[in-house]
PDB file of N, CA and C in Angstrom:
ATOM      1  N   MET A   1     -26.218  10.508 -93.524  1.00  0.00           N
ATOM      2  CA  MET A   1     -25.524   9.473 -92.958  1.00  0.00           C
ATOM      3  C   MET A   1     -26.344   8.579 -91.669  1.00  0.00           C
ATOM      4  N   ALA A   2     -26.814   7.229 -91.435  1.00  0.00           N
ATOM      5  CA  ALA A   2     -27.383   6.883 -90.056  1.00  0.00           C
ATOM      6  C   ALA A   2     -26.248   7.315 -89.037  1.00  0.00           C
ATOM      7  N   ASN A   3     -26.493   7.640 -87.857  1.00  0.00           N
ATOM      8  CA  ASN A   3     -26.076   7.491 -86.463  1.00  0.00           C
ATOM      9  C   ASN A   3     -26.461   6.080 -85.338  1.00  0.00           C
ATOM     10  N   ILE A   4     -27.964   5.681 -85.778  1.00  0.00           N
ATOM     11  CA  ILE A   4     -28.212   4.894 -84.756  1.00  0.00           C
ATOM     12  C   ILE A   4     -27.898   3.038 -85.587  1.00  0.00           C
ATOM     13  N   LYS A   5     -27.166   2.418 -84.118  1.00  0.00           N
ATOM     14  CA  LYS A   5     -26.773   0.994 -85.124  1.00  0.00           C
ATOM     15  C   LYS A   5     -27.662   0.276 -85.911  1.00  0.00           C
ATOM     16  N   SER A   6     -29.041   0.182 -85.493  1.00  0.00           N
ATOM     17  CA  SER A   6     -29.779  -0.386 -86.223  1.00  0.00           C
ATOM     18  C   SER A   6     -30.522  -0.081 -87.614  1.00  0.00           C
ATOM     19  N   ALA A   7     -30.140   1.436 -87.812  1.00  0.00           N
ATOM     20  CA  ALA A   7     -30.316   2.027 -88.950  1.00  0.00           C
ATOM     21  C   ALA A   7     -29.002   1.395 -90.091  1.00  0.00           C
ATOM     22  N   LYS A   8     -28.075   1.466 -88.889  1.00  0.00           N
ATOM     23  CA  LYS A   8     -26.682   1.917 -89.972  1.00  0.00           C
ATOM     24  C   LYS A   8     -26.718  -0.415 -90.363  1.00  0.00           C
ATOM     25  N   LYS A   9     -27.423  -1.068 -89.563  1.00  0.00           N
ATOM     26  CA  LYS A   9     -27.867  -2.056 -89.851  1.00  0.00           C
ATOM     27  C   LYS A   9     -27.861  -2.643 -91.199  1.00  0.00           C
ATOM     28  N   ARG A  10     -29.001  -1.532 -91.077  1.00  0.00           N
ATOM     29  CA  ARG A  10     -30.474  -2.092 -92.219  1.00  0.00           C
ATOM     30  C   ARG A  10     -30.131  -0.852 -93.453  1.00  0.00           C
ATOM     31  N   ILE A  11     -28.938  -0.404 -93.566  1.00  0.00           N
ATOM     32  CA  ILE A  11     -27.994   0.105 -94.836  1.00  0.00           C
ATOM     33  C   ILE A  11     -27.278  -0.837 -95.632  1.00  0.00           C
ATOM     34  N   LEU A  12     -26.884  -1.780 -94.377  1.00  0.00           N
ATOM     35  CA  LEU A  12     -25.697  -3.275 -95.133  1.00  0.00           C
ATOM     36  C   LEU A  12     -26.523  -4.425 -95.680  1.00  0.00           C
ATOM     37  N   VAL A  13     -27.338  -4.035 -95.044  1.00  0.00           N
ATOM     38  CA  VAL A  13     -28.670  -5.694 -94.761  1.00  0.00           C
ATOM     39  C   VAL A  13     -29.143  -4.731 -95.931  1.00  0.00           C
ATOM     40  N   THR A  14     -29.847  -3.946 -96.605  1.00  0.00           N
ATOM     41  CA  THR A  14     -30.679  -3.419 -97.722  1.00  0.00           C
ATOM     42  C   THR A  14     -29.537  -3.343 -99.095  1.00  0.00           C
ATOM     43  N   GLN A  15     -28.361  -3.079 -99.192  1.00  0.00           N
ATOM     44  CA  GLN A  15     -27.583  -2.723 -99.530  1.00  0.00           C
ATOM     45  C   GLN A  15     -26.608  -4.072-100.171  1.00  0.00           C
ATOM     46  N   THR A  16     -26.927  -5.213 -99.140  1.00  0.00           N
ATOM     47  CA  THR A  16     -26.930  -6.588 -99.466  1.00  0.00           C
ATOM     48  C   THR A  16     -27.476  -7.561-100.214  1.00  0.00           C
ATOM     49  N   LYS A  17     -28.807  -7.394 -99.933  1.00  0.00           N
ATOM     50  CA  LYS A  17     -29.927  -7.870-101.021  1.00  0.00           C
ATOM     51  C   LYS A  17     -30.425  -6.917-102.388  1.00  0.00           C
ATOM     52  N   SER A  18     -29.811  -5.921-102.540  1.00  0.00           N
ATOM     53  CA  SER A  18     -29.671  -5.426-104.084  1.00  0.00           C
ATOM     54  C   SER A  18     -29.234  -5.912-104.258  1.00  0.00           C
ATOM     55  N   GLU A  19     -28.088  -5.534-104.015  1.00  0.00           N
ATOM     56  CA  GLU A  19     -27.170  -6.595-104.860  1.00  0.00           C
ATOM     57  C   GLU A  19     -27.330  -8.108-105.599  1.00  0.00           C
ATOM     58  N   ARG A  20     -27.806  -9.135-104.417  1.00  0.00           N
ATOM     59  CA  ARG A  20     -28.049  -9.771-105.246  1.00  0.00           C
ATOM     60  C   ARG A  20     -29.474  -9.960-106.390  1.00  0.00           C
ATOM     61  N   ASN A  21     -30.489  -8.693-105.232  1.00  0.00           N
ATOM     62  CA  ASN A  21     -31.681  -9.230-106.468  1.00  0.00           C
ATOM     63  C   ASN A  21     -31.120  -8.886-108.019  1.00  0.00           C
ATOM     64  N   LYS A  22     -29.780  -7.709-108.594  1.00  0.00           N
ATOM     65  CA  LYS A  22     -29.507  -6.908-109.315  1.00  0.00           C
ATOM     66  C   LYS A  22     -28.890  -8.335-110.007  1.00  0.00           C
ATOM     67  N   ALA A  23     -27.910  -9.128-109.493  1.00  0.00           N
ATOM     68  CA  ALA A  23     -27.449 -10.419-110.285  1.00  0.00           C
ATOM     69  C   ALA A  23     -28.453 -11.339-110.672  1.00  0.00           C
ATOM     70  N   ILE A  24     -29.555 -11.757-109.921  1.00  0.00           N
ATOM     71  CA  ILE A  24     -30.322 -12.602-110.878  1.00  0.00           C
ATOM     72  C   ILE A  24     -31.347 -11.862-111.613  1.00  0.00           C
ATOM     73  N   LYS A  25     -31.407 -10.434-111.734  1.00  0.00           N
ATOM     74  CA  LYS A  25     -32.221 -10.032-112.367  1.00  0.00           C
ATOM     75  C   LYS A  25     -31.568 -10.357-113.754  1.00  0.00           C
ATOM     76  N   SER A  26     -30.558 -10.067-113.233  1.00  0.00           N
ATOM     77  CA  SER A  26     -29.251  -9.885-114.629  1.00  0.00           C
ATOM     78  C   SER A  26     -29.503 -11.334-115.704  1.00  0.00           C
ATOM     79  N   GLY A  27     -29.013 -11.860-114.401  1.00  0.00           N
ATOM     80  CA  GLY A  27     -29.507 -13.279-114.979  1.00  0.00           C
ATOM     81  C   GLY A  27     -30.674 -13.570-115.608  1.00  0.00           C
ATOM     82  N   VAL A  28     -31.535 -13.462-115.626  1.00  0.00           N
ATOM     83  CA  VAL A  28     -32.751 -13.787-116.271  1.00  0.00           C
ATOM     84  C   VAL A  28     -32.770 -12.818-117.434  1.00  0.00           C
ATOM     85  N   LYS A  29     -32.121 -11.239-117.782  1.00  0.00           N
ATOM     86  CA  LYS A  29     -32.167 -10.894-119.278  1.00  0.00           C
ATOM     87  C   LYS A  29     -30.928 -11.484-119.326  1.00  0.00           C
ATOM     88  N   THR A  30     -30.174 -12.569-118.963  1.00  0.00           N
ATOM     89  CA  THR A  30     -29.486 -13.139-120.323  1.00  0.00           C
ATOM     90  C   THR A  30     -29.977 -14.119-121.286  1.00  0.00           C
ATOM     91  N   ALA A  31     -30.671 -14.786-119.885  1.00  0.00           N
ATOM     92  CA  ALA A  31     -31.392 -16.147-120.461  1.00  0.00           C
ATOM     93  C   ALA A  31     -32.565 -15.501-121.032  1.00  0.00           C
ATOM     94  N   VAL A  32     -33.684 -14.265-121.774  1.00  0.00           N
ATOM     95  CA  VAL A  32     -34.041 -14.153-122.026  1.00  0.00           C
ATOM     96  C   VAL A  32     -33.483 -14.097-123.245  1.00  0.00           C
ATOM     97  N   LYS A  33     -32.494 -13.264-122.836  1.00  0.00           N
ATOM     98  CA  LYS A  33     -32.095 -12.269-124.577  1.00  0.00           C
ATOM     99  C   LYS A  33     -31.346 -13.755-125.522  1.00  0.00           C
ATOM    100  N   LYS A  34     -31.052 -14.846-124.037  1.00  0.00           N
ATOM    101  CA  LYS A  34     -30.073 -16.245-125.809  1.00  0.00           C
ATOM    102  C   LYS A  34     -32.043 -16.687-126.237  1.00  0.00           C
ATOM    103  N   VAL A  35     -33.305 -16.845-125.299  1.00  0.00           N
ATOM    104  CA  VAL A  35     -34.301 -17.190-126.222  1.00  0.00           C
ATOM    105  C   VAL A  35     -34.526 -16.230-127.506  1.00  0.00           C
ATOM    106  N   ASN A  36     -34.378 -15.300-127.044  1.00  0.00           N
ATOM    107  CA  ASN A  36     -34.999 -13.930-128.276  1.00  0.00           C
ATOM    108  C   ASN A  36     -33.733 -14.129-129.151  1.00  0.00           C
ATOM    109  N   ALA A  37     -32.154 -14.511-129.160  1.00  0.00           N
ATOM    110  CA  ALA A  37     -31.358 -14.938-130.501  1.00  0.00           C
ATOM    111  C   ALA A  37     -31.973 -16.032-131.359  1.00  0.00           C
ATOM    112  N   ALA A  38     -31.985 -16.936-130.321  1.00  0.00           N
ATOM    113  CA  ALA A  38     -32.464 -18.520-130.679  1.00  0.00           C
ATOM    114  C   ALA A  38     -33.707 -17.944-131.753  1.00  0.00           C
ATOM    115  N   ILE A  39     -34.230 -17.162-131.127  1.00  0.00           N
ATOM    116  CA  ILE A  39     -35.501 -17.374-132.134  1.00  0.00           C
ATOM    117  C   ILE A  39     -35.641 -16.649-133.323  1.00  0.00           C
ATOM    118  N   GLU A  40     -34.107 -15.286-133.159  1.00  0.00           N
ATOM    119  CA  GLU A  40     -34.558 -14.431-134.542  1.00  0.00           C
ATOM    120  C   GLU A  40     -33.514 -15.174-135.985  1.00  0.00           C
ATOM    121  N   SER A  41     -32.636 -16.110-135.032  1.00  0.00           N
ATOM    122  CA  SER A  41     -31.623 -17.282-135.742  1.00  0.00           C
ATOM    123  C   SER A  41     -32.270 -18.602-136.178  1.00  0.00           C
ATOM    124  N   GLY A  42     -33.742 -18.544-136.280  1.00  0.00           N
ATOM    125  CA  GLY A  42     -34.807 -19.246-136.434  1.00  0.00           C
ATOM    126  C   GLY A  42     -34.352 -20.867-136.170  1.00  0.00           C
ATOM    127  N   ASP A  43     -33.597 -20.654-135.569  1.00  0.00           N
ATOM    128  CA  ASP A  43     -32.834 -22.227-134.385  1.00  0.00           C
ATOM    129  C   ASP A  43     -34.131 -23.001-133.874  1.00  0.00           C
ATOM    130  N   LYS A  44     -34.588 -23.816-133.586  1.00  0.00           N
ATOM    131  CA  LYS A  44     -36.514 -24.414-132.748  1.00  0.00           C
ATOM    132  C   LYS A  44     -35.964 -25.317-132.075  1.00  0.00           C
ATOM    133  N   ALA A  45     -34.743 -26.060-132.245  1.00  0.00           N
ATOM    134  CA  ALA A  45     -33.831 -26.579-131.871  1.00  0.00           C
ATOM    135  C   ALA A  45     -33.040 -25.784-129.929  1.00  0.00           C
ATOM    136  N   ALA A  46     -32.166 -24.997-130.553  1.00  0.00           N
ATOM    137  CA  ALA A  46     -31.722 -23.781-129.800  1.00  0.00           C
ATOM    138  C   ALA A  46     -32.552 -23.155-128.896  1.00  0.00           C
ATOM    139  N   ALA A  47     -34.159 -22.862-129.498  1.00  0.00           N
ATOM    140  CA  ALA A  47     -34.969 -21.792-128.836  1.00  0.00           C
ATOM    141  C   ALA A  47     -35.772 -22.630-128.199  1.00  0.00           C
ATOM    142  N   THR A  48     -35.537 -24.512-128.175  1.00  0.00           N
ATOM    143  CA  THR A  48     -36.261 -24.682-127.302  1.00  0.00           C
ATOM    144  C   THR A  48     -34.860 -25.145-125.532  1.00  0.00           C
ATOM    145  N   GLU A  49     -33.933 -25.198-126.143  1.00  0.00           N
ATOM    146  CA  GLU A  49     -33.006 -25.520-125.058  1.00  0.00           C
ATOM    147  C   GLU A  49     -32.957 -24.043-124.360  1.00  0.00           C
ATOM    148  N   ALA A  50     -32.896 -23.557-124.733  1.00  0.00           N
ATOM    149  CA  ALA A  50     -32.747 -21.815-123.983  1.00  0.00           C
ATOM    150  C   ALA A  50     -34.242 -21.705-123.122  1.00  0.00           C
ATOM    151  N   LEU A  51     -34.941 -21.647-123.973  1.00  0.00           N
ATOM    152  CA  LEU A  51     -36.396 -21.609-123.042  1.00  0.00           C
ATOM    153  C   LEU A  51     -36.426 -22.645-121.887  1.00  0.00           C
ATOM    154  N   THR A  52     -35.750 -23.678-122.117  1.00  0.00           N
ATOM    155  CA  THR A  52     -36.253 -24.802-120.941  1.00  0.00           C
ATOM    156  C   THR A  52     -34.919 -23.760-119.537  1.00  0.00           C
ATOM    157  N   ALA A  53     -34.283 -23.428-120.248  1.00  0.00           N
ATOM    158  CA  ALA A  53     -32.853 -22.782-119.681  1.00  0.00           C
ATOM    159  C   ALA A  53     -33.226 -21.452-118.865  1.00  0.00           C
ATOM    160  N   ALA A  54     -33.895 -20.965-119.735  1.00  0.00           N
ATOM    161  CA  ALA A  54     -34.272 -19.340-118.858  1.00  0.00           C
ATOM    162  C   ALA A  54     -35.799 -19.634-118.696  1.00  0.00           C
ATOM    163  N   THR A  55     -36.764 -20.519-118.363  1.00  0.00           N
ATOM    164  CA  THR A  55     -37.527 -21.306-117.640  1.00  0.00           C
ATOM    165  C   THR A  55     -37.333 -21.535-116.047  1.00  0.00           C
ATOM    166  N   SER A  56     -36.563 -22.148-116.255  1.00  0.00           N
ATOM    167  CA  SER A  56     -35.366 -22.450-115.206  1.00  0.00           C
ATOM    168  C   SER A  56     -35.393 -21.688-113.992  1.00  0.00           C
ATOM    169  N   VAL A  57     -34.318 -20.454-114.880  1.00  0.00           N
ATOM    170  CA  VAL A  57     -33.534 -19.006-113.874  1.00  0.00           C
ATOM    171  C   VAL A  57     -35.109 -18.255-113.775  1.00  0.00           C
ATOM    172  N   ILE A  58     -35.467 -18.279-114.135  1.00  0.00           N
ATOM    173  CA  ILE A  58     -36.910 -17.253-113.713  1.00  0.00           C
ATOM    174  C   ILE A  58     -37.724 -17.988-112.614  1.00  0.00           C
ATOM    175  N   ASP A  59     -37.968 -19.413-112.787  1.00  0.00           N
ATOM    176  CA  ASP A  59     -38.777 -19.917-111.819  1.00  0.00           C
ATOM    177  C   ASP A  59     -37.231 -20.035-110.215  1.00  0.00           C
ATOM    178  N   LYS A  60     -36.548 -20.067-110.527  1.00  0.00           N
ATOM    179  CA  LYS A  60     -35.910 -19.580-109.340  1.00  0.00           C
ATOM    180  C   LYS A  60     -35.615 -18.080-108.762  1.00  0.00           C
ATOM    181  N   ALA A  61     -35.757 -17.291-109.504  1.00  0.00           N
ATOM    182  CA  ALA A  61     -35.698 -15.940-109.011  1.00  0.00           C
ATOM    183  C   ALA A  61     -37.330 -15.791-108.404  1.00  0.00           C
ATOM    184  N   CYS A  62     -38.299 -16.044-108.958  1.00  0.00           N
ATOM    185  CA  CYS A  62     -39.447 -15.738-108.003  1.00  0.00           C
ATOM    186  C   CYS A  62     -39.109 -16.625-106.998  1.00  0.00           C
ATOM    187  N   THR A  63     -38.870 -17.811-107.299  1.00  0.00           N
ATOM    188  CA  THR A  63     -38.170 -18.517-105.502  1.00  0.00           C
ATOM    189  C   THR A  63     -37.959 -17.644-104.793  1.00  0.00           C
ATOM    190  N   LYS A  64     -37.034 -17.162-104.547  1.00  0.00           N
ATOM    191  CA  LYS A  64     -35.914 -16.100-103.974  1.00  0.00           C
ATOM    192  C   LYS A  64     -36.815 -14.322-103.510  1.00  0.00           C
ATOM    193  N   GLY A  65     -37.725 -14.864-104.367  1.00  0.00           N
ATOM    194  CA  GLY A  65     -38.640 -13.158-104.345  1.00  0.00           C
ATOM    195  C   GLY A  65     -38.299 -12.010-104.887  1.00  0.00           C
ATOM    196  N   VAL A  66     -37.619 -12.524-105.668  1.00  0.00           N
ATOM    197  CA  VAL A  66     -37.191 -11.541-106.362  1.00  0.00           C
ATOM    198  C   VAL A  66     -38.089 -10.747-107.552  1.00  0.00           C
ATOM    199  N   TYR A  67     -38.414 -11.899-108.393  1.00  0.00           N
ATOM    200  CA  TYR A  67     -40.392 -11.472-109.205  1.00  0.00           C
ATOM    201  C   TYR A  67     -41.458 -12.129-108.418  1.00  0.00           C
ATOM    202  N   HIS A  68     -42.311 -11.419-108.735  1.00  0.00           N
ATOM    203  CA  HIS A  68     -43.949 -11.567-108.529  1.00  0.00           C
ATOM    204  C   HIS A  68     -44.449 -13.073-109.128  1.00  0.00           C
ATOM    205  N   LYS A  69     -44.958 -14.300-108.129  1.00  0.00           N
ATOM    206  CA  LYS A  69     -45.137 -14.851-109.353  1.00  0.00           C
ATOM    207  C   LYS A  69     -45.974 -14.946-110.432  1.00  0.00           C
ATOM    208  N   ASN A  70     -46.942 -14.054-110.778  1.00  0.00           N
ATOM    209  CA  ASN A  70     -47.368 -13.010-112.035  1.00  0.00           C
ATOM    210  C   ASN A  70     -46.226 -12.746-112.815  1.00  0.00           C
ATOM    211  N   ASN A  71     -45.629 -12.385-112.514  1.00  0.00           N
ATOM    212  CA  ASN A  71     -44.634 -11.617-113.256  1.00  0.00           C
ATOM    213  C   ASN A  71     -43.805 -12.640-114.516  1.00  0.00           C
ATOM    214  N   ALA A  72     -43.238 -13.343-113.131  1.00  0.00           N
ATOM    215  CA  ALA A  72     -42.405 -14.860-113.577  1.00  0.00           C
ATOM    216  C   ALA A  72     -42.837 -15.374-114.674  1.00  0.00           C
ATOM    217  N   SER A  73     -44.566 -16.215-114.135  1.00  0.00           N
ATOM    218  CA  SER A  73     -45.127 -16.913-115.137  1.00  0.00           C
ATOM    219  C   SER A  73     -45.963 -15.484-116.655  1.00  0.00           C
ATOM    220  N   ARG A  74     -45.991 -14.739-116.370  1.00  0.00           N
ATOM    221  CA  ARG A  74     -46.154 -14.385-117.771  1.00  0.00           C
ATOM    222  C   ARG A  74     -44.506 -14.273-118.765  1.00  0.00           C
ATOM    223  N   LYS A  75     -43.430 -13.933-117.759  1.00  0.00           N
ATOM    224  CA  LYS A  75     -42.615 -13.826-118.724  1.00  0.00           C
ATOM    225  C   LYS A  75     -41.986 -14.911-118.962  1.00  0.00           C
ATOM    226  N   VAL A  76     -42.982 -16.458-118.749  1.00  0.00           N
ATOM    227  CA  VAL A  76     -42.124 -17.134-119.183  1.00  0.00           C
ATOM    228  C   VAL A  76     -43.725 -17.901-120.511  1.00  0.00           C
ATOM    229  N   SER A  77     -44.734 -17.389-120.481  1.00  0.00           N
ATOM    230  CA  SER A  77     -45.896 -17.453-121.208  1.00  0.00           C
ATOM    231  C   SER A  77     -45.659 -16.851-122.248  1.00  0.00           C
ATOM    232  N   ARG A  78     -44.841 -15.342-122.509  1.00  0.00           N
ATOM    233  CA  ARG A  78     -45.025 -14.630-123.471  1.00  0.00           C
ATOM    234  C   ARG A  78     -43.669 -15.677-124.380  1.00  0.00           C
ATOM    235  N   LEU A  79     -42.641 -16.141-123.482  1.00  0.00           N
ATOM    236  CA  LEU A  79     -41.021 -16.715-124.055  1.00  0.00           C
ATOM    237  C   LEU A  79     -41.858 -17.858-125.154  1.00  0.00           C
ATOM    238  N   ALA A  80     -42.567 -18.867-124.126  1.00  0.00           N
ATOM    239  CA  ALA A  80     -42.988 -20.244-124.810  1.00  0.00           C
ATOM    240  C   ALA A  80     -43.790 -20.012-126.014  1.00  0.00           C
ATOM    241  N   SER A  81     -45.165 -18.357-125.786  1.00  0.00           N
ATOM    242  CA  SER A  81     -45.339 -18.775-127.035  1.00  0.00           C
ATOM    243  C   SER A  81     -44.281 -18.124-128.236  1.00  0.00           C
ATOM    244  N   ALA A  82     -43.517 -18.016-127.809  1.00  0.00           N
ATOM    245  CA  ALA A  82     -42.854 -17.006-129.295  1.00  0.00           C
ATOM    246  C   ALA A  82     -42.610 -18.053-129.958  1.00  0.00           C
ATOM    247  N   VAL A  83     -41.902 -19.403-129.034  1.00  0.00           N
ATOM    248  CA  VAL A  83     -40.929 -20.553-129.307  1.00  0.00           C
ATOM    249  C   VAL A  83     -41.678 -21.233-130.021  1.00  0.00           C
ATOM    250  N   SER A  84     -43.266 -21.020-129.242  1.00  0.00           N
ATOM    251  CA  SER A  84     -44.386 -22.279-130.560  1.00  0.00           C
ATOM    252  C   SER A  84     -44.243 -21.314-131.888  1.00  0.00           C
ATOM    253  N   GLN A  85     -44.674 -20.567-131.523  1.00  0.00           N
ATOM    254  CA  GLN A  85     -44.960 -19.759-132.924  1.00  0.00           C
ATOM    255  C   GLN A  85     -44.100 -19.209-134.245  1.00  0.00           C
ATOM    256  N   MET A  86     -42.657 -20.215-133.563  1.00  0.00           N
ATOM    257  CA  MET A  86     -41.691 -20.692-134.473  1.00  0.00           C
ATOM    258  C   MET A  86     -42.250 -20.595-135.887  1.00  0.00           C
TER     259      MET A  86
END
């Protein structure tokens, strides 16, 4: 355990940021699962709607610094190509 005041603060700040990042990543995973479920069911309209929502969630995660821009772009690209290949 840290004894220095600044180190104690860093522990708290890191913990807070980790929880925030974890929640955002979880939201992205949920959105991706919804797109994949719509693709599996074969519903093109639902897949397109889910893709739009997932793209928004992924872009927000990228803006907040949870994902690198290339990682976010790759995720969106893979989902979009999967939906277009339906």
